[in-house]
Amino acid sequence: VGETALLKVVEVGKIGAFLDWGLEKDLLLPFKEQTKRVVRG
């Protein structure tokens, strides 16, 4: 929390994108927190 990192988009769903951050459960990037639309990979 409070840090930044370069993460890969693994999926784009209905509520936002999901990112690989090294844990079993992918991290949600909500659409409202995107400064541009992201794509898988």
Full PDB file with SEQRES, HELIX, SHEET, SSBOND, CRYST1, ORIGX, SCALE, CONECT and MASTER records, all heavy atoms in Angstrom:
SEQRES   1 A   41  VAL GLY GLU THR ALA LEU LEU LYS VAL VAL GLU VAL GLY          
SEQRES   2 A   41  LYS ILE GLY ALA PHE LEU ASP TRP GLY LEU GLU LYS ASP          
SEQRES   3 A   41  LEU LEU LEU PRO PHE LYS GLU GLN THR LYS ARG VAL VAL          
SEQRES   4 A   41  ARG GLY                                                      
HELIX    1 AA1 PHE A   31  GLU A   33  5                                   3    
SHEET    1 AA1 3 LYS A   8  VAL A  12  0                                        
SHEET    2 AA1 3 GLY A  16  ASP A  20 -1                                        
SHEET    3 AA1 3 LEU A  27  PRO A  30 -1                                        
CRYST1    1.000    1.000    1.000  90.00  90.00  90.00 P 1           1          
ORIGX1      1.000000  0.000000  0.000000        0.00000                         
ORIGX2      0.000000  1.000000  0.000000        0.00000                         
ORIGX3      0.000000  0.000000  1.000000        0.00000                         
SCALE1      1.000000  0.000000  0.000000        0.00000                         
SCALE2      0.000000  1.000000  0.000000        0.00000                         
SCALE3      0.000000  0.000000  1.000000        0.00000                         
ATOM      1  N   VAL A   1       0.839  -1.199   0.000  1.00  0.00           N  
ATOM      2  CA  VAL A   1       0.000   0.000   0.000  1.00  0.00           C  
ATOM      3  C   VAL A   1       0.874   1.250   0.000  1.00  0.00           C  
ATOM      4  O   VAL A   1       1.846   1.350   0.756  1.00  0.00           O  
ATOM      5  CB  VAL A   1      -0.944   0.004   1.216  1.00  0.00           C  
ATOM      6  CG1 VAL A   1      -1.510   1.400   1.465  1.00  0.00           C  
ATOM      7  CG2 VAL A   1      -2.092  -0.965   0.995  1.00  0.00           C  
ATOM      8  N   GLY A   2       0.539   2.186  -0.889  1.00  0.00           N  
ATOM      9  CA  GLY A   2       1.279   3.437  -0.973  1.00  0.00           C  
ATOM     10  C   GLY A   2       2.461   3.397  -1.913  1.00  0.00           C  
ATOM     11  O   GLY A   2       3.095   4.427  -2.146  1.00  0.00           O  
ATOM     12  N   GLU A   3       2.758   2.221  -2.479  1.00  0.00           N  
ATOM     13  CA  GLU A   3       3.884   2.086  -3.399  1.00  0.00           C  
ATOM     14  C   GLU A   3       3.395   1.960  -4.839  1.00  0.00           C  
ATOM     15  O   GLU A   3       2.203   1.729  -5.094  1.00  0.00           O  
ATOM     16  CB  GLU A   3       4.729   0.865  -3.033  1.00  0.00           C  
ATOM     17  CG  GLU A   3       5.373   0.942  -1.662  1.00  0.00           C  
ATOM     18  CD  GLU A   3       6.174  -0.288  -1.300  1.00  0.00           C  
ATOM     19  OE1 GLU A   3       6.032  -1.330  -1.994  1.00  0.00           O  
ATOM     20  OE2 GLU A   3       6.940  -0.218  -0.326  1.00  0.00           O  
ATOM     21  N   THR A   4       4.319   2.103  -5.779  1.00  0.00           N  
ATOM     22  CA  THR A   4       4.008   1.958  -7.194  1.00  0.00           C  
ATOM     23  C   THR A   4       4.784   0.790  -7.790  1.00  0.00           C  
ATOM     24  O   THR A   4       5.842   0.416  -7.287  1.00  0.00           O  
ATOM     25  CB  THR A   4       4.354   3.240  -7.976  1.00  0.00           C  
ATOM     26  OG1 THR A   4       5.724   3.569  -7.740  1.00  0.00           O  
ATOM     27  CG2 THR A   4       3.471   4.397  -7.542  1.00  0.00           C  
ATOM     28  N   ALA A   5       4.239   0.238  -8.868  1.00  0.00           N  
ATOM     29  CA  ALA A   5       4.910  -0.866  -9.552  1.00  0.00           C  
ATOM     30  C   ALA A   5       4.372  -0.980 -10.972  1.00  0.00           C  
ATOM     31  O   ALA A   5       3.262  -0.528 -11.278  1.00  0.00           O  
ATOM     32  CB  ALA A   5       4.696  -2.180  -8.804  1.00  0.00           C  
ATOM     33  N   LEU A   6       5.167  -1.577 -11.834  1.00  0.00           N  
ATOM     34  CA  LEU A   6       4.758  -1.846 -13.215  1.00  0.00           C  
ATOM     35  C   LEU A   6       4.193  -3.256 -13.260  1.00  0.00           C  
ATOM     36  O   LEU A   6       4.914  -4.227 -13.021  1.00  0.00           O  
ATOM     37  CB  LEU A   6       5.960  -1.718 -14.142  1.00  0.00           C  
ATOM     38  CG  LEU A   6       5.681  -1.566 -15.639  1.00  0.00           C  
ATOM     39  CD1 LEU A   6       4.954  -0.256 -15.919  1.00  0.00           C  
ATOM     40  CD2 LEU A   6       6.993  -1.621 -16.421  1.00  0.00           C  
ATOM     41  N   LEU A   7       2.888  -3.373 -13.545  1.00  0.00           N  
ATOM     42  CA  LEU A   7       2.209  -4.669 -13.510  1.00  0.00           C  
ATOM     43  C   LEU A   7       1.596  -5.000 -14.862  1.00  0.00           C  
ATOM     44  O   LEU A   7       1.238  -4.117 -15.633  1.00  0.00           O  
ATOM     45  CB  LEU A   7       1.106  -4.663 -12.444  1.00  0.00           C  
ATOM     46  CG  LEU A   7       1.518  -4.323 -11.006  1.00  0.00           C  
ATOM     47  CD1 LEU A   7       0.306  -4.411 -10.088  1.00  0.00           C  
ATOM     48  CD2 LEU A   7       2.629  -5.229 -10.519  1.00  0.00           C  
ATOM     49  N   LYS A   8       1.432  -6.301 -15.112  1.00  0.00           N  
ATOM     50  CA  LYS A   8       0.856  -6.761 -16.372  1.00  0.00           C  
ATOM     51  C   LYS A   8      -0.647  -6.984 -16.230  1.00  0.00           C  
ATOM     52  O   LYS A   8      -1.113  -7.553 -15.240  1.00  0.00           O  
ATOM     53  CB  LYS A   8       1.536  -8.053 -16.829  1.00  0.00           C  
ATOM     54  CG  LYS A   8       1.096  -8.523 -18.216  1.00  0.00           C  
ATOM     55  CD  LYS A   8       1.896  -9.722 -18.684  1.00  0.00           C  
ATOM     56  CE  LYS A   8       3.346  -9.391 -18.920  1.00  0.00           C  
ATOM     57  NZ  LYS A   8       3.514  -8.433 -20.070  1.00  0.00           N  
ATOM     58  N   VAL A   9      -1.386  -6.560 -17.237  1.00  0.00           N  
ATOM     59  CA  VAL A   9      -2.832  -6.791 -17.280  1.00  0.00           C  
ATOM     60  C   VAL A   9      -3.073  -8.238 -17.721  1.00  0.00           C  
ATOM     61  O   VAL A   9      -2.638  -8.652 -18.787  1.00  0.00           O  
ATOM     62  CB  VAL A   9      -3.517  -5.828 -18.269  1.00  0.00           C  
ATOM     63  CG1 VAL A   9      -5.026  -6.112 -18.331  1.00  0.00           C  
ATOM     64  CG2 VAL A   9      -3.260  -4.377 -17.882  1.00  0.00           C  
ATOM     65  N   VAL A  10      -3.774  -9.012 -16.888  1.00  0.00           N  
ATOM     66  CA  VAL A  10      -4.035 -10.413 -17.223  1.00  0.00           C  
ATOM     67  C   VAL A  10      -5.448 -10.621 -17.761  1.00  0.00           C  
ATOM     68  O   VAL A  10      -5.725 -11.606 -18.440  1.00  0.00           O  
ATOM     69  CB  VAL A  10      -3.797 -11.334 -16.007  1.00  0.00           C  
ATOM     70  CG1 VAL A  10      -2.330 -11.323 -15.611  1.00  0.00           C  
ATOM     71  CG2 VAL A  10      -4.657 -10.929 -14.822  1.00  0.00           C  
ATOM     72  N   GLU A  11      -6.338  -9.657 -17.464  1.00  0.00           N  
ATOM     73  CA  GLU A  11      -7.722  -9.797 -17.923  1.00  0.00           C  
ATOM     74  C   GLU A  11      -8.427  -8.449 -17.793  1.00  0.00           C  
ATOM     75  O   GLU A  11      -8.116  -7.654 -16.911  1.00  0.00           O  
ATOM     76  CB  GLU A  11      -8.461 -10.837 -17.079  1.00  0.00           C  
ATOM     77  CG  GLU A  11      -9.869 -11.143 -17.538  1.00  0.00           C  
ATOM     78  CD  GLU A  11     -10.561 -12.170 -16.648  1.00  0.00           C  
ATOM     79  OE1 GLU A  11      -9.898 -12.706 -15.741  1.00  0.00           O  
ATOM     80  OE2 GLU A  11     -11.760 -12.410 -16.855  1.00  0.00           O  
ATOM     81  N   VAL A  12      -9.376  -8.205 -18.690  1.00  0.00           N  
ATOM     82  CA  VAL A  12     -10.229  -7.030 -18.579  1.00  0.00           C  
ATOM     83  C   VAL A  12     -11.660  -7.518 -18.446  1.00  0.00           C  
ATOM     84  O   VAL A  12     -12.162  -8.262 -19.298  1.00  0.00           O  
ATOM     85  CB  VAL A  12     -10.091  -6.105 -19.808  1.00  0.00           C  
ATOM     86  CG1 VAL A  12     -11.046  -4.916 -19.681  1.00  0.00           C  
ATOM     87  CG2 VAL A  12      -8.654  -5.605 -19.949  1.00  0.00           C  
ATOM     88  N   GLY A  13     -12.321  -7.137 -17.338  1.00  0.00           N  
ATOM     89  CA  GLY A  13     -13.675  -7.611 -17.055  1.00  0.00           C  
ATOM     90  C   GLY A  13     -14.707  -6.503 -17.069  1.00  0.00           C  
ATOM     91  O   GLY A  13     -14.476  -5.415 -17.609  1.00  0.00           O  
ATOM     92  N   LYS A  14     -15.840  -6.768 -16.433  1.00  0.00           N  
ATOM     93  CA  LYS A  14     -16.959  -5.820 -16.451  1.00  0.00           C  
ATOM     94  C   LYS A  14     -16.757  -4.650 -15.496  1.00  0.00           C  
ATOM     95  O   LYS A  14     -17.355  -3.589 -15.676  1.00  0.00           O  
ATOM     96  CB  LYS A  14     -18.261  -6.551 -16.092  1.00  0.00           C  
ATOM     97  CG  LYS A  14     -18.683  -7.588 -17.125  1.00  0.00           C  
ATOM     98  CD  LYS A  14     -19.986  -8.252 -16.724  1.00  0.00           C  
ATOM     99  CE  LYS A  14     -20.425  -9.272 -17.762  1.00  0.00           C  
ATOM    100  NZ  LYS A  14     -21.701  -9.944 -17.385  1.00  0.00           N  
ATOM    101  N   ILE A  15     -15.943  -4.831 -14.463  1.00  0.00           N  
ATOM    102  CA  ILE A  15     -15.765  -3.766 -13.474  1.00  0.00           C  
ATOM    103  C   ILE A  15     -14.384  -3.112 -13.554  1.00  0.00           C  
ATOM    104  O   ILE A  15     -14.113  -2.143 -12.852  1.00  0.00           O  
ATOM    105  CB  ILE A  15     -16.004  -4.291 -12.041  1.00  0.00           C  
ATOM    106  CG1 ILE A  15     -15.018  -5.429 -11.722  1.00  0.00           C  
ATOM    107  CG2 ILE A  15     -17.441  -4.752 -11.870  1.00  0.00           C  
ATOM    108  CD1 ILE A  15     -15.093  -5.897 -10.273  1.00  0.00           C  
ATOM    109  N   GLY A  16     -13.537  -3.659 -14.400  1.00  0.00           N  
ATOM    110  CA  GLY A  16     -12.192  -3.107 -14.532  1.00  0.00           C  
ATOM    111  C   GLY A  16     -11.219  -4.145 -15.067  1.00  0.00           C  
ATOM    112  O   GLY A  16     -11.626  -5.176 -15.614  1.00  0.00           O  
ATOM    113  N   ALA A  17      -9.950  -3.876 -14.884  1.00  0.00           N  
ATOM    114  CA  ALA A  17      -8.907  -4.801 -15.324  1.00  0.00           C  
ATOM    115  C   ALA A  17      -8.327  -5.514 -14.111  1.00  0.00           C  
ATOM    116  O   ALA A  17      -8.393  -5.013 -12.985  1.00  0.00           O  
ATOM    117  CB  ALA A  17      -7.819  -4.045 -16.066  1.00  0.00           C  
ATOM    118  N   PHE A  18      -7.743  -6.679 -14.349  1.00  0.00           N  
ATOM    119  CA  PHE A  18      -7.118  -7.447 -13.278  1.00  0.00           C  
ATOM    120  C   PHE A  18      -5.633  -7.592 -13.592  1.00  0.00           C  
ATOM    121  O   PHE A  18      -5.246  -7.909 -14.717  1.00  0.00           O  
ATOM    122  CB  PHE A  18      -7.797  -8.805 -13.122  1.00  0.00           C  
ATOM    123  CG  PHE A  18      -9.201  -8.690 -12.609  1.00  0.00           C  
ATOM    124  CD1 PHE A  18     -10.270  -8.556 -13.491  1.00  0.00           C  
ATOM    125  CD2 PHE A  18      -9.458  -8.677 -11.242  1.00  0.00           C  
ATOM    126  CE1 PHE A  18     -11.571  -8.422 -13.015  1.00  0.00           C  
ATOM    127  CE2 PHE A  18     -10.752  -8.545 -10.757  1.00  0.00           C  
ATOM    128  CZ  PHE A  18     -11.812  -8.410 -11.642  1.00  0.00           C  
ATOM    129  N   LEU A  19      -4.815  -7.349 -12.567  1.00  0.00           N  
ATOM    130  CA  LEU A  19      -3.374  -7.269 -12.743  1.00  0.00           C  
ATOM    131  C   LEU A  19      -2.660  -8.361 -11.966  1.00  0.00           C  
ATOM    132  O   LEU A  19      -3.087  -8.755 -10.872  1.00  0.00           O  
ATOM    133  CB  LEU A  19      -2.866  -5.905 -12.259  1.00  0.00           C  
ATOM    134  CG  LEU A  19      -3.658  -4.666 -12.702  1.00  0.00           C  
ATOM    135  CD1 LEU A  19      -3.055  -3.416 -12.078  1.00  0.00           C  
ATOM    136  CD2 LEU A  19      -3.680  -4.557 -14.224  1.00  0.00           C  
ATOM    137  N   ASP A  20      -1.557  -8.835 -12.520  1.00  0.00           N  
ATOM    138  CA  ASP A  20      -0.697  -9.815 -11.838  1.00  0.00           C  
ATOM    139  C   ASP A  20       0.228  -9.062 -10.895  1.00  0.00           C  
ATOM    140  O   ASP A  20       1.085  -8.292 -11.318  1.00  0.00           O  
ATOM    141  CB  ASP A  20       0.110 -10.595 -12.868  1.00  0.00           C  
ATOM    142  CG  ASP A  20       1.111 -11.550 -12.230  1.00  0.00           C  
ATOM    143  OD1 ASP A  20       1.031 -11.772 -11.001  1.00  0.00           O  
ATOM    144  OD2 ASP A  20       1.983 -12.068 -12.960  1.00  0.00           O  
ATOM    145  N   TRP A  21       0.049  -9.297  -9.590  1.00  0.00           N  
ATOM    146  CA  TRP A  21       0.916  -8.619  -8.622  1.00  0.00           C  
ATOM    147  C   TRP A  21       1.649  -9.603  -7.722  1.00  0.00           C  
ATOM    148  O   TRP A  21       2.130  -9.268  -6.652  1.00  0.00           O  
ATOM    149  CB  TRP A  21       0.126  -7.602  -7.803  1.00  0.00           C  
ATOM    150  CG  TRP A  21      -0.985  -8.146  -6.937  1.00  0.00           C  
ATOM    151  CD1 TRP A  21      -1.882  -9.111  -7.253  1.00  0.00           C  
ATOM    152  CD2 TRP A  21      -1.304  -7.725  -5.613  1.00  0.00           C  
ATOM    153  NE1 TRP A  21      -2.745  -9.330  -6.220  1.00  0.00           N  
ATOM    154  CE2 TRP A  21      -2.426  -8.480  -5.193  1.00  0.00           C  
ATOM    155  CE3 TRP A  21      -0.774  -6.789  -4.734  1.00  0.00           C  
ATOM    156  CZ2 TRP A  21      -3.000  -8.330  -3.942  1.00  0.00           C  
ATOM    157  CZ3 TRP A  21      -1.362  -6.627  -3.497  1.00  0.00           C  
ATOM    158  CH2 TRP A  21      -2.461  -7.395  -3.112  1.00  0.00           C  
ATOM    159  N   GLY A  22       1.734 -10.852  -8.194  1.00  0.00           N  
ATOM    160  CA  GLY A  22       2.535 -11.854  -7.512  1.00  0.00           C  
ATOM    161  C   GLY A  22       1.780 -12.738  -6.548  1.00  0.00           C  
ATOM    162  O   GLY A  22       2.362 -13.660  -5.972  1.00  0.00           O  
ATOM    163  N   LEU A  23       0.477 -12.498  -6.363  1.00  0.00           N  
ATOM    164  CA  LEU A  23      -0.326 -13.307  -5.453  1.00  0.00           C  
ATOM    165  C   LEU A  23      -1.361 -14.115  -6.225  1.00  0.00           C  
ATOM    166  O   LEU A  23      -1.607 -13.872  -7.409  1.00  0.00           O  
ATOM    167  CB  LEU A  23      -1.019 -12.409  -4.419  1.00  0.00           C  
ATOM    168  CG  LEU A  23      -0.099 -11.533  -3.564  1.00  0.00           C  
ATOM    169  CD1 LEU A  23      -0.913 -10.766  -2.534  1.00  0.00           C  
ATOM    170  CD2 LEU A  23       0.995 -12.350  -2.894  1.00  0.00           C  
ATOM    171  N   GLU A  24      -1.983 -15.087  -5.550  1.00  0.00           N  
ATOM    172  CA  GLU A  24      -2.941 -15.968  -6.217  1.00  0.00           C  
ATOM    173  C   GLU A  24      -4.136 -15.187  -6.747  1.00  0.00           C  
ATOM    174  O   GLU A  24      -4.626 -15.436  -7.844  1.00  0.00           O  
ATOM    175  CB  GLU A  24      -3.420 -17.049  -5.242  1.00  0.00           C  
ATOM    176  CG  GLU A  24      -2.352 -18.081  -4.902  1.00  0.00           C  
ATOM    177  CD  GLU A  24      -2.890 -19.189  -4.024  1.00  0.00           C  
ATOM    178  OE1 GLU A  24      -4.094 -19.160  -3.695  1.00  0.00           O  
ATOM    179  OE2 GLU A  24      -2.120 -20.088  -3.657  1.00  0.00           O  
ATOM    180  N   LYS A  25      -4.634 -14.240  -5.949  1.00  0.00           N  
ATOM    181  CA  LYS A  25      -5.774 -13.436  -6.374  1.00  0.00           C  
ATOM    182  C   LYS A  25      -5.273 -12.203  -7.106  1.00  0.00           C  
ATOM    183  O   LYS A  25      -4.505 -11.415  -6.562  1.00  0.00           O  
ATOM    184  CB  LYS A  25      -6.605 -13.018  -5.160  1.00  0.00           C  
ATOM    185  CG  LYS A  25      -7.819 -12.170  -5.504  1.00  0.00           C  
ATOM    186  CD  LYS A  25      -8.500 -11.658  -4.246  1.00  0.00           C  
ATOM    187  CE  LYS A  25      -9.668 -10.737  -4.604  1.00  0.00           C  
ATOM    188  NZ  LYS A  25     -10.282 -10.139  -3.390  1.00  0.00           N  
ATOM    189  N   ASP A  26      -5.695 -12.029  -8.372  1.00  0.00           N  
ATOM    190  CA  ASP A  26      -5.257 -10.872  -9.146  1.00  0.00           C  
ATOM    191  C   ASP A  26      -5.802  -9.579  -8.545  1.00  0.00           C  
ATOM    192  O   ASP A  26      -6.826  -9.566  -7.856  1.00  0.00           O  
ATOM    193  CB  ASP A  26      -5.711 -11.000 -10.605  1.00  0.00           C  
ATOM    194  CG  ASP A  26      -5.013 -12.146 -11.326  1.00  0.00           C  
ATOM    195  OD1 ASP A  26      -3.845 -12.426 -10.983  1.00  0.00           O  
ATOM    196  OD2 ASP A  26      -5.634 -12.765 -12.214  1.00  0.00           O  
ATOM    197  N   LEU A  27      -5.121  -8.486  -8.824  1.00  0.00           N  
ATOM    198  CA  LEU A  27      -5.464  -7.180  -8.258  1.00  0.00           C  
ATOM    199  C   LEU A  27      -6.391  -6.420  -9.196  1.00  0.00           C  
ATOM    200  O   LEU A  27      -6.126  -6.302 -10.390  1.00  0.00           O  
ATOM    201  CB  LEU A  27      -4.182  -6.381  -8.023  1.00  0.00           C  
ATOM    202  CG  LEU A  27      -4.326  -4.974  -7.447  1.00  0.00           C  
ATOM    203  CD1 LEU A  27      -4.892  -5.022  -6.030  1.00  0.00           C  
ATOM    204  CD2 LEU A  27      -2.966  -4.269  -7.453  1.00  0.00           C  
ATOM    205  N   LEU A  28      -7.462  -5.855  -8.643  1.00  0.00           N  
ATOM    206  CA  LEU A  28      -8.433  -5.110  -9.444  1.00  0.00           C  
ATOM    207  C   LEU A  28      -7.954  -3.682  -9.703  1.00  0.00           C  
ATOM    208  O   LEU A  28      -7.538  -2.974  -8.785  1.00  0.00           O  
ATOM    209  CB  LEU A  28      -9.785  -5.063  -8.727  1.00  0.00           C  
ATOM    210  CG  LEU A  28     -10.858  -4.162  -9.363  1.00  0.00           C  
ATOM    211  CD1 LEU A  28     -11.272  -4.702 -10.732  1.00  0.00           C  
ATOM    212  CD2 LEU A  28     -12.077  -4.028  -8.445  1.00  0.00           C  
ATOM    213  N   LEU A  29      -8.047  -3.277 -10.962  1.00  0.00           N  
ATOM    214  CA  LEU A  29      -7.862  -1.889 -11.366  1.00  0.00           C  
ATOM    215  C   LEU A  29      -9.213  -1.405 -11.884  1.00  0.00           C  
ATOM    216  O   LEU A  29      -9.573  -1.659 -13.031  1.00  0.00           O  
ATOM    217  CB  LEU A  29      -6.800  -1.771 -12.458  1.00  0.00           C  
ATOM    218  CG  LEU A  29      -6.657  -0.409 -13.142  1.00  0.00           C  
ATOM    219  CD1 LEU A  29      -6.215   0.666 -12.152  1.00  0.00           C  
ATOM    220  CD2 LEU A  29      -5.688  -0.482 -14.326  1.00  0.00           C  
ATOM    221  N   PRO A  30     -10.006  -0.713 -11.043  1.00  0.00           N  
ATOM    222  CA  PRO A  30     -11.344  -0.273 -11.469  1.00  0.00           C  
ATOM    223  C   PRO A  30     -11.271   0.670 -12.673  1.00  0.00           C  
ATOM    224  O   PRO A  30     -10.285   1.382 -12.858  1.00  0.00           O  
ATOM    225  CB  PRO A  30     -11.882   0.464 -10.227  1.00  0.00           C  
ATOM    226  CG  PRO A  30     -11.062  -0.043  -9.085  1.00  0.00           C  
ATOM    227  CD  PRO A  30      -9.702  -0.310  -9.661  1.00  0.00           C  
ATOM    228  N   PHE A  31     -12.335   0.671 -13.463  1.00  0.00           N  
ATOM    229  CA  PHE A  31     -12.355   1.559 -14.622  1.00  0.00           C  
ATOM    230  C   PHE A  31     -12.167   3.015 -14.214  1.00  0.00           C  
ATOM    231  O   PHE A  31     -11.496   3.782 -14.898  1.00  0.00           O  
ATOM    232  CB  PHE A  31     -13.674   1.397 -15.390  1.00  0.00           C  
ATOM    233  CG  PHE A  31     -13.740   0.156 -16.226  1.00  0.00           C  
ATOM    234  CD1 PHE A  31     -14.793  -0.746 -16.089  1.00  0.00           C  
ATOM    235  CD2 PHE A  31     -12.755  -0.129 -17.162  1.00  0.00           C  
ATOM    236  CE1 PHE A  31     -14.857  -1.893 -16.857  1.00  0.00           C  
ATOM    237  CE2 PHE A  31     -12.807  -1.275 -17.945  1.00  0.00           C  
ATOM    238  CZ  PHE A  31     -13.865  -2.165 -17.784  1.00  0.00           C  
ATOM    239  N   LYS A  32     -12.739   3.422 -13.081  1.00  0.00           N  
ATOM    240  CA  LYS A  32     -12.653   4.815 -12.658  1.00  0.00           C  
ATOM    241  C   LYS A  32     -11.238   5.211 -12.238  1.00  0.00           C  
ATOM    242  O   LYS A  32     -10.940   6.409 -12.126  1.00  0.00           O  
ATOM    243  CB  LYS A  32     -13.637   5.089 -11.512  1.00  0.00           C  
ATOM    244  CG  LYS A  32     -13.322   4.371 -10.217  1.00  0.00           C  
ATOM    245  CD  LYS A  32     -14.382   4.673  -9.164  1.00  0.00           C  
ATOM    246  CE  LYS A  32     -14.090   3.963  -7.846  1.00  0.00           C  
ATOM    247  NZ  LYS A  32     -12.881   4.479  -7.208  1.00  0.00           N  
ATOM    248  N   GLU A  33     -10.375   4.234 -12.025  1.00  0.00           N  
ATOM    249  CA  GLU A  33      -8.993   4.525 -11.649  1.00  0.00           C  
ATOM    250  C   GLU A  33      -8.036   4.402 -12.832  1.00  0.00           C  
ATOM    251  O   GLU A  33      -6.825   4.463 -12.673  1.00  0.00           O  
ATOM    252  CB  GLU A  33      -8.545   3.590 -10.524  1.00  0.00           C  
ATOM    253  CG  GLU A  33      -9.301   3.772  -9.224  1.00  0.00           C  
ATOM    254  CD  GLU A  33      -9.110   5.163  -8.630  1.00  0.00           C  
ATOM    255  OE1 GLU A  33      -8.016   5.749  -8.823  1.00  0.00           O  
ATOM    256  OE2 GLU A  33     -10.044   5.673  -7.985  1.00  0.00           O  
ATOM    257  N   GLN A  34      -8.597   4.243 -14.028  1.00  0.00           N  
ATOM    258  CA  GLN A  34      -7.772   4.149 -15.232  1.00  0.00           C  
ATOM    259  C   GLN A  34      -7.682   5.509 -15.903  1.00  0.00           C  
ATOM    260  O   GLN A  34      -8.690   6.186 -16.086  1.00  0.00           O  
ATOM    261  CB  GLN A  34      -8.354   3.113 -16.201  1.00  0.00           C  
ATOM    262  CG  GLN A  34      -8.391   1.700 -15.633  1.00  0.00           C  
ATOM    263  CD  GLN A  34      -8.998   0.685 -16.594  1.00  0.00           C  
ATOM    264  OE1 GLN A  34      -9.050   0.909 -17.798  1.00  0.00           O  
ATOM    265  NE2 GLN A  34      -9.450  -0.435 -16.056  1.00  0.00           N  
ATOM    266  N   THR A  35      -6.489   5.913 -16.281  1.00  0.00           N  
ATOM    267  CA  THR A  35      -6.314   7.170 -17.003  1.00  0.00           C  
ATOM    268  C   THR A  35      -6.414   6.945 -18.509  1.00  0.00           C  
ATOM    269  O   THR A  35      -6.461   7.893 -19.288  1.00  0.00           O  
ATOM    270  CB  THR A  35      -4.960   7.806 -16.664  1.00  0.00           C  
ATOM    271  OG1 THR A  35      -3.907   6.876 -16.949  1.00  0.00           O  
ATOM    272  CG2 THR A  35      -4.907   8.168 -15.181  1.00  0.00           C  
ATOM    273  N   LYS A  36      -6.431   5.694 -18.915  1.00  0.00           N  
ATOM    274  CA  LYS A  36      -6.692   5.298 -20.295  1.00  0.00           C  
ATOM    275  C   LYS A  36      -7.159   3.854 -20.255  1.00  0.00           C  
ATOM    276  O   LYS A  36      -6.925   3.146 -19.282  1.00  0.00           O  
ATOM    277  CB  LYS A  36      -5.438   5.435 -21.170  1.00  0.00           C  
ATOM    278  CG  LYS A  36      -4.333   4.426 -20.856  1.00  0.00           C  
ATOM    279  CD  LYS A  36      -3.138   4.632 -21.754  1.00  0.00           C  
ATOM    280  CE  LYS A  36      -2.073   3.533 -21.550  1.00  0.00           C  
ATOM    281  NZ  LYS A  36      -2.494   2.251 -22.119  1.00  0.00           N  
ATOM    282  N   ARG A  37      -7.843   3.410 -21.256  1.00  0.00           N  
ATOM    283  CA  ARG A  37      -8.289   2.028 -21.300  1.00  0.00           C  
ATOM    284  C   ARG A  37      -7.093   1.113 -21.542  1.00  0.00           C  
ATOM    285  O   ARG A  37      -6.270   1.368 -22.418  1.00  0.00           O  
ATOM    286  CB  ARG A  37      -9.349   1.822 -22.393  1.00  0.00           C  
ATOM    287  CG  ARG A  37     -10.704   2.370 -22.008  1.00  0.00           C  
ATOM    288  CD  ARG A  37     -11.280   1.586 -20.843  1.00  0.00           C  
ATOM    289  NE  ARG A  37     -12.577   2.092 -20.411  1.00  0.00           N  
ATOM    290  CZ  ARG A  37     -12.780   2.836 -19.332  1.00  0.00           C  
ATOM    291  NH1 ARG A  37     -11.744   3.180 -18.581  1.00  0.00           N  
ATOM    292  NH2 ARG A  37     -13.978   3.242 -18.997  1.00  0.00           N  
ATOM    293  N   VAL A  38      -7.014   0.063 -20.760  1.00  0.00           N  
ATOM    294  CA  VAL A  38      -5.881  -0.860 -20.857  1.00  0.00           C  
ATOM    295  C   VAL A  38      -6.314  -2.137 -21.555  1.00  0.00           C  
ATOM    296  O   VAL A  38      -7.511  -2.450 -21.631  1.00  0.00           O  
ATOM    297  CB  VAL A  38      -5.308  -1.178 -19.457  1.00  0.00           C  
ATOM    298  CG1 VAL A  38      -4.859   0.113 -18.774  1.00  0.00           C  
ATOM    299  CG2 VAL A  38      -6.334  -1.897 -18.584  1.00  0.00           C  
ATOM    300  N   VAL A  39      -5.348  -2.898 -22.044  1.00  0.00           N  
ATOM    301  CA  VAL A  39      -5.651  -4.137 -22.762  1.00  0.00           C  
ATOM    302  C   VAL A  39      -4.846  -5.283 -22.159  1.00  0.00           C  
ATOM    303  O   VAL A  39      -3.809  -5.079 -21.530  1.00  0.00           O  
ATOM    304  CB  VAL A  39      -5.342  -4.013 -24.266  1.00  0.00           C  
ATOM    305  CG1 VAL A  39      -6.221  -2.961 -24.905  1.00  0.00           C  
ATOM    306  CG2 VAL A  39      -3.868  -3.671 -24.490  1.00  0.00           C  
ATOM    307  N   ARG A  40      -5.322  -6.466 -22.369  1.00  0.00           N  
ATOM    308  CA  ARG A  40      -4.657  -7.664 -21.852  1.00  0.00           C  
ATOM    309  C   ARG A  40      -3.228  -7.759 -22.379  1.00  0.00           C  
ATOM    310  O   ARG A  40      -2.965  -7.543 -23.558  1.00  0.00           O  
ATOM    311  CB  ARG A  40      -5.453  -8.898 -22.267  1.00  0.00           C  
ATOM    312  CG  ARG A  40      -4.917 -10.201 -21.715  1.00  0.00           C  
ATOM    313  CD  ARG A  40      -5.825 -11.347 -22.098  1.00  0.00           C  
ATOM    314  NE  ARG A  40      -5.342 -12.608 -21.543  1.00  0.00           N  
ATOM    315  CZ  ARG A  40      -5.962 -13.775 -21.705  1.00  0.00           C  
ATOM    316  NH1 ARG A  40      -7.087 -13.838 -22.402  1.00  0.00           N  
ATOM    317  NH2 ARG A  40      -5.466 -14.875 -21.171  1.00  0.00           N  
ATOM    318  N   GLY A  41      -2.305  -8.089 -21.482  1.00  0.00           N  
ATOM    319  CA  GLY A  41      -0.908  -8.238 -21.850  1.00  0.00           C  
ATOM    320  C   GLY A  41      -0.095  -6.967 -21.726  1.00  0.00           C  
ATOM    321  O   GLY A  41       1.136  -7.006 -21.807  1.00  0.00           O  
TER     322      GLY A  41                                                      
MASTER        0    0    0    1    3    0    0    6  321    1    0    4          
END                                                                             
